[in-house]
Amino acid sequence: MLNERNPRQENFEEVIVHELLHLKLYPLDQITEGLIYSNYEEGSKAFDFAYAQFMTSLEITVEELTKCFLMQYGDNKELSYGRCKDMKSFDELFDGLKPLK
């Protein structure tokens, strides 16, 4: 939700693109959540781990797609990245890995 009185993010274009990408990815989101719920007991360590990893990956993916879209097509290229601003980007996750041959 956009909150003009007390905004958490200043780039409303970023927020809108981010949320629209969540809508686009919703079917995949539901499949993955369904698999987690059907294979792990809710509240177990395995469930909590799988769910947390999925949600973290989902948010990083949406933020990266948002960044790519706005860098190419956005009017406002000042990005806040919301709660993901302290997480590594996909590019940074691969830093230090040896290329596959």
PDB file of N, CA and C in Angstrom:
ATOM      1  N   MET A   1       0.841  -1.179   0.000  1.00  0.00           N
ATOM      2  CA  MET A   1       0.000   0.000   0.000  1.00  0.00           C
ATOM      3  C   MET A   1       0.885   1.241   0.000  1.00  0.00           C
ATOM      4  N   LEU A   2       0.449   2.217  -0.730  1.00  0.00           N
ATOM      5  CA  LEU A   2       1.183   3.472  -0.776  1.00  0.00           C
ATOM      6  C   LEU A   2       0.691   4.378   0.336  1.00  0.00           C
ATOM      7  N   ASN A   3       1.610   4.893   1.102  1.00  0.00           N
ATOM      8  CA  ASN A   3       1.270   5.752   2.228  1.00  0.00           C
ATOM      9  C   ASN A   3       1.932   7.106   2.000  1.00  0.00           C
ATOM     10  N   GLU A   4       1.163   8.072   1.533  1.00  0.00           N
ATOM     11  CA  GLU A   4       1.725   9.380   1.221  1.00  0.00           C
ATOM     12  C   GLU A   4       2.071  10.191   2.464  1.00  0.00           C
ATOM     13  N   ARG A   5       1.395   9.949   3.572  1.00  0.00           N
ATOM     14  CA  ARG A   5       1.659  10.722   4.787  1.00  0.00           C
ATOM     15  C   ARG A   5       2.950  10.306   5.473  1.00  0.00           C
ATOM     16  N   ASN A   6       3.216   9.018   5.481  1.00  0.00           N
ATOM     17  CA  ASN A   6       4.403   8.495   6.152  1.00  0.00           C
ATOM     18  C   ASN A   6       4.998   7.380   5.287  1.00  0.00           C
ATOM     19  N   PRO A   7       5.558   7.740   4.126  1.00  0.00           N
ATOM     20  CA  PRO A   7       6.019   6.691   3.202  1.00  0.00           C
ATOM     21  C   PRO A   7       7.244   5.948   3.730  1.00  0.00           C
ATOM     22  N   ARG A   8       7.244   4.652   3.503  1.00  0.00           N
ATOM     23  CA  ARG A   8       8.430   3.851   3.837  1.00  0.00           C
ATOM     24  C   ARG A   8       9.433   3.908   2.692  1.00  0.00           C
ATOM     25  N   GLN A   9       8.917   4.138   1.496  1.00  0.00           N
ATOM     26  CA  GLN A   9       9.770   4.254   0.321  1.00  0.00           C
ATOM     27  C   GLN A   9       9.362   5.508  -0.430  1.00  0.00           C
ATOM     28  N   GLU A  10      10.339   6.180  -0.993  1.00  0.00           N
ATOM     29  CA  GLU A  10      10.062   7.443  -1.659  1.00  0.00           C
ATOM     30  C   GLU A  10       9.765   7.278  -3.142  1.00  0.00           C
ATOM     31  N   ASN A  11      10.152   6.171  -3.735  1.00  0.00           N
ATOM     32  CA  ASN A  11       9.945   5.954  -5.159  1.00  0.00           C
ATOM     33  C   ASN A  11       8.684   5.105  -5.351  1.00  0.00           C
ATOM     34  N   PHE A  12       7.559   5.766  -5.589  1.00  0.00           N
ATOM     35  CA  PHE A  12       6.294   5.049  -5.737  1.00  0.00           C
ATOM     36  C   PHE A  12       6.286   4.170  -6.981  1.00  0.00           C
ATOM     37  N   GLU A  13       7.019   4.575  -8.014  1.00  0.00           N
ATOM     38  CA  GLU A  13       7.127   3.752  -9.223  1.00  0.00           C
ATOM     39  C   GLU A  13       7.760   2.403  -8.879  1.00  0.00           C
ATOM     40  N   GLU A  14       8.765   2.426  -8.032  1.00  0.00           N
ATOM     41  CA  GLU A  14       9.421   1.194  -7.598  1.00  0.00           C
ATOM     42  C   GLU A  14       8.439   0.293  -6.852  1.00  0.00           C
ATOM     43  N   VAL A  15       7.662   0.889  -5.952  1.00  0.00           N
ATOM     44  CA  VAL A  15       6.694   0.116  -5.168  1.00  0.00           C
ATOM     45  C   VAL A  15       5.666  -0.536  -6.083  1.00  0.00           C
ATOM     46  N   ILE A  16       5.165   0.225  -7.041  1.00  0.00           N
ATOM     47  CA  ILE A  16       4.138  -0.291  -7.935  1.00  0.00           C
ATOM     48  C   ILE A  16       4.689  -1.418  -8.805  1.00  0.00           C
ATOM     49  N   VAL A  17       5.868  -1.227  -9.392  1.00  0.00           N
ATOM     50  CA  VAL A  17       6.478  -2.282 -10.214  1.00  0.00           C
ATOM     51  C   VAL A  17       6.746  -3.517  -9.362  1.00  0.00           C
ATOM     52  N   HIS A  18       7.272  -3.323  -8.173  1.00  0.00           N
ATOM     53  CA  HIS A  18       7.558  -4.441  -7.260  1.00  0.00           C
ATOM     54  C   HIS A  18       6.289  -5.253  -6.992  1.00  0.00           C
ATOM     55  N   GLU A  19       5.216  -4.577  -6.644  1.00  0.00           N
ATOM     56  CA  GLU A  19       3.973  -5.284  -6.322  1.00  0.00           C
ATOM     57  C   GLU A  19       3.350  -5.932  -7.553  1.00  0.00           C
ATOM     58  N   LEU A  20       3.466  -5.296  -8.716  1.00  0.00           N
ATOM     59  CA  LEU A  20       2.963  -5.919  -9.945  1.00  0.00           C
ATOM     60  C   LEU A  20       3.744  -7.186 -10.286  1.00  0.00           C
ATOM     61  N   LEU A  21       5.033  -7.177 -10.008  1.00  0.00           N
ATOM     62  CA  LEU A  21       5.829  -8.394 -10.225  1.00  0.00           C
ATOM     63  C   LEU A  21       5.405  -9.503  -9.267  1.00  0.00           C
ATOM     64  N   HIS A  22       5.061  -9.147  -8.028  1.00  0.00           N
ATOM     65  CA  HIS A  22       4.529 -10.158  -7.104  1.00  0.00           C
ATOM     66  C   HIS A  22       3.250 -10.778  -7.678  1.00  0.00           C
ATOM     67  N   LEU A  23       2.393  -9.952  -8.261  1.00  0.00           N
ATOM     68  CA  LEU A  23       1.168 -10.480  -8.868  1.00  0.00           C
ATOM     69  C   LEU A  23       1.494 -11.426 -10.021  1.00  0.00           C
ATOM     70  N   LYS A  24       2.463 -11.070 -10.828  1.00  0.00           N
ATOM     71  CA  LYS A  24       2.855 -11.903 -11.966  1.00  0.00           C
ATOM     72  C   LYS A  24       3.435 -13.236 -11.501  1.00  0.00           C
ATOM     73  N   LEU A  25       4.178 -13.211 -10.398  1.00  0.00           N
ATOM     74  CA  LEU A  25       4.820 -14.425  -9.877  1.00  0.00           C
ATOM     75  C   LEU A  25       3.928 -15.220  -8.927  1.00  0.00           C
ATOM     76  N   TYR A  26       2.729 -14.720  -8.664  1.00  0.00           N
ATOM     77  CA  TYR A  26       1.838 -15.362  -7.686  1.00  0.00           C
ATOM     78  C   TYR A  26       1.577 -16.845  -7.954  1.00  0.00           C
ATOM     79  N   PRO A  27       1.336 -17.284  -9.192  1.00  0.00           N
ATOM     80  CA  PRO A  27       1.128 -18.726  -9.410  1.00  0.00           C
ATOM     81  C   PRO A  27       2.336 -19.566  -8.977  1.00  0.00           C
ATOM     82  N   LEU A  28       3.531 -19.098  -9.272  1.00  0.00           N
ATOM     83  CA  LEU A  28       4.731 -19.825  -8.837  1.00  0.00           C
ATOM     84  C   LEU A  28       4.869 -19.790  -7.320  1.00  0.00           C
ATOM     85  N   ASP A  29       4.528 -18.656  -6.738  1.00  0.00           N
ATOM     86  CA  ASP A  29       4.529 -18.496  -5.286  1.00  0.00           C
ATOM     87  C   ASP A  29       3.621 -19.549  -4.652  1.00  0.00           C
ATOM     88  N   GLN A  30       2.411 -19.686  -5.169  1.00  0.00           N
ATOM     89  CA  GLN A  30       1.441 -20.622  -4.596  1.00  0.00           C
ATOM     90  C   GLN A  30       1.869 -22.077  -4.763  1.00  0.00           C
ATOM     91  N   ILE A  31       2.470 -22.408  -5.888  1.00  0.00           N
ATOM     92  CA  ILE A  31       2.971 -23.770  -6.092  1.00  0.00           C
ATOM     93  C   ILE A  31       4.055 -24.086  -5.069  1.00  0.00           C
ATOM     94  N   THR A  32       4.993 -23.165  -4.911  1.00  0.00           N
ATOM     95  CA  THR A  32       6.102 -23.394  -3.984  1.00  0.00           C
ATOM     96  C   THR A  32       5.614 -23.471  -2.547  1.00  0.00           C
ATOM     97  N   GLU A  33       4.727 -22.558  -2.156  1.00  0.00           N
ATOM     98  CA  GLU A  33       4.186 -22.616  -0.795  1.00  0.00           C
ATOM     99  C   GLU A  33       3.431 -23.925  -0.577  1.00  0.00           C
ATOM    100  N   GLY A  34       2.664 -24.353  -1.581  1.00  0.00           N
ATOM    101  CA  GLY A  34       1.935 -25.617  -1.468  1.00  0.00           C
ATOM    102  C   GLY A  34       2.865 -26.796  -1.274  1.00  0.00           C
ATOM    103  N   LEU A  35       3.972 -26.801  -1.994  1.00  0.00           N
ATOM    104  CA  LEU A  35       4.953 -27.882  -1.834  1.00  0.00           C
ATOM    105  C   LEU A  35       5.572 -27.865  -0.440  1.00  0.00           C
ATOM    106  N   ILE A  36       5.866 -26.690   0.059  1.00  0.00           N
ATOM    107  CA  ILE A  36       6.436 -26.585   1.405  1.00  0.00           C
ATOM    108  C   ILE A  36       5.436 -27.097   2.435  1.00  0.00           C
ATOM    109  N   TYR A  37       4.182 -26.646   2.341  1.00  0.00           N
ATOM    110  CA  TYR A  37       3.152 -27.065   3.300  1.00  0.00           C
ATOM    111  C   TYR A  37       2.850 -28.558   3.201  1.00  0.00           C
ATOM    112  N   SER A  38       2.956 -29.129   2.011  1.00  0.00           N
ATOM    113  CA  SER A  38       2.607 -30.546   1.872  1.00  0.00           C
ATOM    114  C   SER A  38       3.757 -31.489   2.226  1.00  0.00           C
ATOM    115  N   ASN A  39       4.972 -30.956   2.294  1.00  0.00           N
ATOM    116  CA  ASN A  39       6.120 -31.821   2.563  1.00  0.00           C
ATOM    117  C   ASN A  39       6.758 -31.635   3.932  1.00  0.00           C
ATOM    118  N   TYR A  40       6.396 -30.580   4.631  1.00  0.00           N
ATOM    119  CA  TYR A  40       6.977 -30.317   5.942  1.00  0.00           C
ATOM    120  C   TYR A  40       5.876 -30.002   6.937  1.00  0.00           C
ATOM    121  N   GLU A  41       6.089 -30.412   8.162  1.00  0.00           N
ATOM    122  CA  GLU A  41       5.118 -30.106   9.213  1.00  0.00           C
ATOM    123  C   GLU A  41       5.270 -28.650   9.613  1.00  0.00           C
ATOM    124  N   GLU A  42       4.157 -27.918   9.566  1.00  0.00           N
ATOM    125  CA  GLU A  42       4.193 -26.499   9.891  1.00  0.00           C
ATOM    126  C   GLU A  42       4.738 -26.310  11.307  1.00  0.00           C
ATOM    127  N   GLY A  43       5.686 -25.395  11.444  1.00  0.00           N
ATOM    128  CA  GLY A  43       6.300 -25.119  12.736  1.00  0.00           C
ATOM    129  C   GLY A  43       7.566 -25.923  12.991  1.00  0.00           C
ATOM    130  N   SER A  44       7.827 -26.932  12.150  1.00  0.00           N
ATOM    131  CA  SER A  44       9.057 -27.718  12.327  1.00  0.00           C
ATOM    132  C   SER A  44      10.250 -26.893  11.830  1.00  0.00           C
ATOM    133  N   LYS A  45      11.445 -27.301  12.245  1.00  0.00           N
ATOM    134  CA  LYS A  45      12.643 -26.596  11.805  1.00  0.00           C
ATOM    135  C   LYS A  45      12.791 -26.664  10.293  1.00  0.00           C
ATOM    136  N   ALA A  46      12.466 -27.830   9.719  1.00  0.00           N
ATOM    137  CA  ALA A  46      12.570 -27.989   8.270  1.00  0.00           C
ATOM    138  C   ALA A  46      11.595 -27.057   7.546  1.00  0.00           C
ATOM    139  N   PHE A  47      10.359 -26.972   8.049  1.00  0.00           N
ATOM    140  CA  PHE A  47       9.361 -26.081   7.460  1.00  0.00           C
ATOM    141  C   PHE A  47       9.830 -24.634   7.550  1.00  0.00           C
ATOM    142  N   ASP A  48      10.250 -24.229   8.747  1.00  0.00           N
ATOM    143  CA  ASP A  48      10.683 -22.842   8.951  1.00  0.00           C
ATOM    144  C   ASP A  48      11.857 -22.491   8.044  1.00  0.00           C
ATOM    145  N   PHE A  49      12.793 -23.420   7.899  1.00  0.00           N
ATOM    146  CA  PHE A  49      13.948 -23.195   7.033  1.00  0.00           C
ATOM    147  C   PHE A  49      13.511 -23.054   5.571  1.00  0.00           C
ATOM    148  N   ALA A  50      12.723 -24.015   5.086  1.00  0.00           N
ATOM    149  CA  ALA A  50      12.283 -23.990   3.686  1.00  0.00           C
ATOM    150  C   ALA A  50      11.465 -22.734   3.397  1.00  0.00           C
ATOM    151  N   TYR A  51      10.574 -22.388   4.298  1.00  0.00           N
ATOM    152  CA  TYR A  51       9.708 -21.226   4.087  1.00  0.00           C
ATOM    153  C   TYR A  51      10.519 -19.929   4.087  1.00  0.00           C
ATOM    154  N   ALA A  52      11.441 -19.809   5.027  1.00  0.00           N
ATOM    155  CA  ALA A  52      12.274 -18.603   5.103  1.00  0.00           C
ATOM    156  C   ALA A  52      13.155 -18.469   3.859  1.00  0.00           C
ATOM    157  N   GLN A  53      13.735 -19.580   3.411  1.00  0.00           N
ATOM    158  CA  GLN A  53      14.576 -19.546   2.216  1.00  0.00           C
ATOM    159  C   GLN A  53      13.759 -19.159   0.981  1.00  0.00           C
ATOM    160  N   PHE A  54      12.552 -19.708   0.886  1.00  0.00           N
ATOM    161  CA  PHE A  54      11.689 -19.373  -0.241  1.00  0.00           C
ATOM    162  C   PHE A  54      11.326 -17.894  -0.231  1.00  0.00           C
ATOM    163  N   MET A  55      10.892 -17.384   0.912  1.00  0.00           N
ATOM    164  CA  MET A  55      10.485 -15.985   0.981  1.00  0.00           C
ATOM    165  C   MET A  55      11.652 -15.042   0.709  1.00  0.00           C
ATOM    166  N   THR A  56      12.825 -15.368   1.222  1.00  0.00           N
ATOM    167  CA  THR A  56      14.007 -14.552   0.957  1.00  0.00           C
ATOM    168  C   THR A  56      14.327 -14.563  -0.533  1.00  0.00           C
ATOM    169  N   SER A  57      14.311 -15.741  -1.141  1.00  0.00           N
ATOM    170  CA  SER A  57      14.590 -15.845  -2.578  1.00  0.00           C
ATOM    171  C   SER A  57      13.545 -15.117  -3.406  1.00  0.00           C
ATOM    172  N   LEU A  58      12.292 -15.219  -3.006  1.00  0.00           N
ATOM    173  CA  LEU A  58      11.218 -14.529  -3.720  1.00  0.00           C
ATOM    174  C   LEU A  58      11.434 -13.021  -3.689  1.00  0.00           C
ATOM    175  N   GLU A  59      11.726 -12.468  -2.518  1.00  0.00           N
ATOM    176  CA  GLU A  59      11.919 -11.026  -2.399  1.00  0.00           C
ATOM    177  C   GLU A  59      13.148 -10.559  -3.165  1.00  0.00           C
ATOM    178  N   ILE A  60      14.233 -11.307  -3.095  1.00  0.00           N
ATOM    179  CA  ILE A  60      15.432 -10.931  -3.845  1.00  0.00           C
ATOM    180  C   ILE A  60      15.137 -10.960  -5.338  1.00  0.00           C
ATOM    181  N   THR A  61      14.417 -11.982  -5.789  1.00  0.00           N
ATOM    182  CA  THR A  61      14.068 -12.088  -7.206  1.00  0.00           C
ATOM    183  C   THR A  61      13.215 -10.910  -7.648  1.00  0.00           C
ATOM    184  N   VAL A  62      12.189 -10.584  -6.876  1.00  0.00           N
ATOM    185  CA  VAL A  62      11.307  -9.464  -7.223  1.00  0.00           C
ATOM    186  C   VAL A  62      12.083  -8.152  -7.208  1.00  0.00           C
ATOM    187  N   GLU A  63      12.958  -7.948  -6.234  1.00  0.00           N
ATOM    188  CA  GLU A  63      13.746  -6.719  -6.179  1.00  0.00           C
ATOM    189  C   GLU A  63      14.691  -6.618  -7.374  1.00  0.00           C
ATOM    190  N   GLU A  64      15.322  -7.727  -7.745  1.00  0.00           N
ATOM    191  CA  GLU A  64      16.230  -7.713  -8.889  1.00  0.00           C
ATOM    192  C   GLU A  64      15.469  -7.431 -10.188  1.00  0.00           C
ATOM    193  N   LEU A  65      14.303  -8.050 -10.365  1.00  0.00           N
ATOM    194  CA  LEU A  65      13.490  -7.790 -11.556  1.00  0.00           C
ATOM    195  C   LEU A  65      13.004  -6.338 -11.576  1.00  0.00           C
ATOM    196  N   THR A  66      12.633  -5.822 -10.399  1.00  0.00           N
ATOM    197  CA  THR A  66      12.217  -4.425 -10.296  1.00  0.00           C
ATOM    198  C   THR A  66      13.354  -3.510 -10.700  1.00  0.00           C
ATOM    199  N   LYS A  67      14.541  -3.786 -10.179  1.00  0.00           N
ATOM    200  CA  LYS A  67      15.716  -2.976 -10.505  1.00  0.00           C
ATOM    201  C   LYS A  67      15.967  -2.989 -12.012  1.00  0.00           C
ATOM    202  N   CYS A  68      15.930  -4.160 -12.614  1.00  0.00           N
ATOM    203  CA  CYS A  68      16.179  -4.264 -14.052  1.00  0.00           C
ATOM    204  C   CYS A  68      15.138  -3.486 -14.851  1.00  0.00           C
ATOM    205  N   PHE A  69      13.868  -3.639 -14.496  1.00  0.00           N
ATOM    206  CA  PHE A  69      12.797  -2.960 -15.216  1.00  0.00           C
ATOM    207  C   PHE A  69      12.941  -1.448 -15.101  1.00  0.00           C
ATOM    208  N   LEU A  70      13.167  -0.959 -13.871  1.00  0.00           N
ATOM    209  CA  LEU A  70      13.245   0.490 -13.665  1.00  0.00           C
ATOM    210  C   LEU A  70      14.502   1.096 -14.269  1.00  0.00           C
ATOM    211  N   MET A  71      15.608   0.360 -14.239  1.00  0.00           N
ATOM    212  CA  MET A  71      16.826   0.879 -14.860  1.00  0.00           C
ATOM    213  C   MET A  71      16.646   1.027 -16.366  1.00  0.00           C
ATOM    214  N   GLN A  72      15.852   0.152 -16.963  1.00  0.00           N
ATOM    215  CA  GLN A  72      15.611   0.213 -18.398  1.00  0.00           C
ATOM    216  C   GLN A  72      14.494   1.191 -18.768  1.00  0.00           C
ATOM    217  N   TYR A  73      13.384   1.142 -18.016  1.00  0.00           N
ATOM    218  CA  TYR A  73      12.182   1.868 -18.429  1.00  0.00           C
ATOM    219  C   TYR A  73      11.679   2.917 -17.429  1.00  0.00           C
ATOM    220  N   GLY A  74      12.220   2.956 -16.247  1.00  0.00           N
ATOM    221  CA  GLY A  74      11.684   3.820 -15.206  1.00  0.00           C
ATOM    222  C   GLY A  74      12.008   5.286 -15.376  1.00  0.00           C
ATOM    223  N   ASP A  75      11.109   6.123 -14.890  1.00  0.00           N
ATOM    224  CA  ASP A  75      11.362   7.565 -14.866  1.00  0.00           C
ATOM    225  C   ASP A  75      12.255   7.927 -13.682  1.00  0.00           C
ATOM    226  N   ASN A  76      12.035   7.263 -12.546  1.00  0.00           N
ATOM    227  CA  ASN A  76      12.801   7.527 -11.329  1.00  0.00           C
ATOM    228  C   ASN A  76      13.728   6.335 -11.088  1.00  0.00           C
ATOM    229  N   LYS A  77      15.023   6.553 -11.249  1.00  0.00           N
ATOM    230  CA  LYS A  77      15.990   5.464 -11.106  1.00  0.00           C
ATOM    231  C   LYS A  77      16.625   5.418  -9.716  1.00  0.00           C
ATOM    232  N   GLU A  78      16.145   6.268  -8.779  1.00  0.00           N
ATOM    233  CA  GLU A  78      16.585   6.234  -7.382  1.00  0.00           C
ATOM    234  C   GLU A  78      15.816   5.132  -6.675  1.00  0.00           C
ATOM    235  N   LEU A  79      16.474   4.027  -6.381  1.00  0.00           N
ATOM    236  CA  LEU A  79      15.793   2.875  -5.815  1.00  0.00           C
ATOM    237  C   LEU A  79      16.089   2.745  -4.328  1.00  0.00           C
ATOM    238  N   SER A  80      15.094   2.323  -3.581  1.00  0.00           N
ATOM    239  CA  SER A  80      15.266   2.160  -2.136  1.00  0.00           C
ATOM    240  C   SER A  80      15.452   0.696  -1.768  1.00  0.00           C
ATOM    241  N   TYR A  81      14.928  -0.210  -2.575  1.00  0.00           N
ATOM    242  CA  TYR A  81      15.001  -1.653  -2.347  1.00  0.00           C
ATOM    243  C   TYR A  81      14.305  -2.103  -1.066  1.00  0.00           C
ATOM    244  N   GLY A  82      13.606  -1.234  -0.417  1.00  0.00           N
ATOM    245  CA  GLY A  82      12.814  -1.645   0.737  1.00  0.00           C
ATOM    246  C   GLY A  82      13.595  -2.497   1.717  1.00  0.00           C
ATOM    247  N   ARG A  83      12.958  -3.586   2.165  1.00  0.00           N
ATOM    248  CA  ARG A  83      13.584  -4.432   3.182  1.00  0.00           C
ATOM    249  C   ARG A  83      14.733  -5.253   2.633  1.00  0.00           C
ATOM    250  N   CYS A  84      14.933  -5.266   1.317  1.00  0.00           N
ATOM    251  CA  CYS A  84      16.008  -6.055   0.711  1.00  0.00           C
ATOM    252  C   CYS A  84      17.284  -5.250   0.509  1.00  0.00           C
ATOM    253  N   LYS A  85      17.294  -3.980   0.920  1.00  0.00           N
ATOM    254  CA  LYS A  85      18.451  -3.142   0.605  1.00  0.00           C
ATOM    255  C   LYS A  85      19.741  -3.657   1.229  1.00  0.00           C
ATOM    256  N   ASP A  86      19.665  -4.406   2.329  1.00  0.00           N
ATOM    257  CA  ASP A  86      20.873  -4.931   2.960  1.00  0.00           C
ATOM    258  C   ASP A  86      21.239  -6.332   2.475  1.00  0.00           C
ATOM    259  N   MET A  87      20.393  -6.925   1.638  1.00  0.00           N
ATOM    260  CA  MET A  87      20.682  -8.263   1.114  1.00  0.00           C
ATOM    261  C   MET A  87      21.582  -8.151  -0.107  1.00  0.00           C
ATOM    262  N   LYS A  88      22.349  -9.189  -0.356  1.00  0.00           N
ATOM    263  CA  LYS A  88      23.177  -9.226  -1.546  1.00  0.00           C
ATOM    264  C   LYS A  88      22.291  -9.366  -2.779  1.00  0.00           C
ATOM    265  N   SER A  89      22.709  -8.716  -3.861  1.00  0.00           N
ATOM    266  CA  SER A  89      22.010  -8.899  -5.126  1.00  0.00           C
ATOM    267  C   SER A  89      22.442 -10.241  -5.722  1.00  0.00           C
ATOM    268  N   PHE A  90      21.739 -10.675  -6.762  1.00  0.00           N
ATOM    269  CA  PHE A  90      22.120 -11.924  -7.411  1.00  0.00           C
ATOM    270  C   PHE A  90      23.554 -11.860  -7.909  1.00  0.00           C
ATOM    271  N   ASP A  91      23.963 -10.716  -8.457  1.00  0.00           N
ATOM    272  CA  ASP A  91      25.335 -10.586  -8.935  1.00  0.00           C
ATOM    273  C   ASP A  91      26.328 -10.826  -7.798  1.00  0.00           C
ATOM    274  N   GLU A  92      26.067 -10.240  -6.646  1.00  0.00           N
ATOM    275  CA  GLU A  92      26.973 -10.379  -5.506  1.00  0.00           C
ATOM    276  C   GLU A  92      26.995 -11.802  -4.953  1.00  0.00           C
ATOM    277  N   LEU A  93      25.884 -12.537  -5.098  1.00  0.00           N
ATOM    278  CA  LEU A  93      25.849 -13.915  -4.613  1.00  0.00           C
ATOM    279  C   LEU A  93      26.838 -14.792  -5.351  1.00  0.00           C
ATOM    280  N   PHE A  94      27.191 -14.400  -6.580  1.00  0.00           N
ATOM    281  CA  PHE A  94      28.106 -15.193  -7.388  1.00  0.00           C
ATOM    282  C   PHE A  94      29.562 -14.743  -7.265  1.00  0.00           C
ATOM    283  N   ASP A  95      29.812 -13.657  -6.532  1.00  0.00           N
ATOM    284  CA  ASP A  95      31.181 -13.186  -6.343  1.00  0.00           C
ATOM    285  C   ASP A  95      32.027 -14.275  -5.704  1.00  0.00           C
ATOM    286  N   GLY A  96      33.191 -14.520  -6.277  1.00  0.00           N
ATOM    287  CA  GLY A  96      34.114 -15.485  -5.723  1.00  0.00           C
ATOM    288  C   GLY A  96      33.908 -16.915  -6.201  1.00  0.00           C
ATOM    289  N   LEU A  97      32.814 -17.186  -6.928  1.00  0.00           N
ATOM    290  CA  LEU A  97      32.600 -18.535  -7.454  1.00  0.00           C
ATOM    291  C   LEU A  97      33.432 -18.734  -8.723  1.00  0.00           C
ATOM    292  N   LYS A  98      33.943 -19.926  -8.882  1.00  0.00           N
ATOM    293  CA  LYS A  98      34.709 -20.246 -10.094  1.00  0.00           C
ATOM    294  C   LYS A  98      33.727 -20.558 -11.221  1.00  0.00           C
ATOM    295  N   PRO A  99      34.034 -20.090 -12.429  1.00  0.00           N
ATOM    296  CA  PRO A  99      33.140 -20.384 -13.558  1.00  0.00           C
ATOM    297  C   PRO A  99      33.131 -21.878 -13.874  1.00  0.00           C
ATOM    298  N   LEU A 100      31.989 -22.376 -14.301  1.00  0.00           N
ATOM    299  CA  LEU A 100      31.867 -23.770 -14.712  1.00  0.00           C
ATOM    300  C   LEU A 100      32.519 -23.951 -16.066  1.00  0.00           C
ATOM    301  N   LYS A 101      33.178 -25.076 -16.248  1.00  0.00           N
ATOM    302  CA  LYS A 101      33.843 -25.330 -17.537  1.00  0.00           C
ATOM    303  C   LYS A 101      33.131 -26.406 -18.300  1.00  0.00           C
TER     304      LYS A 101
END
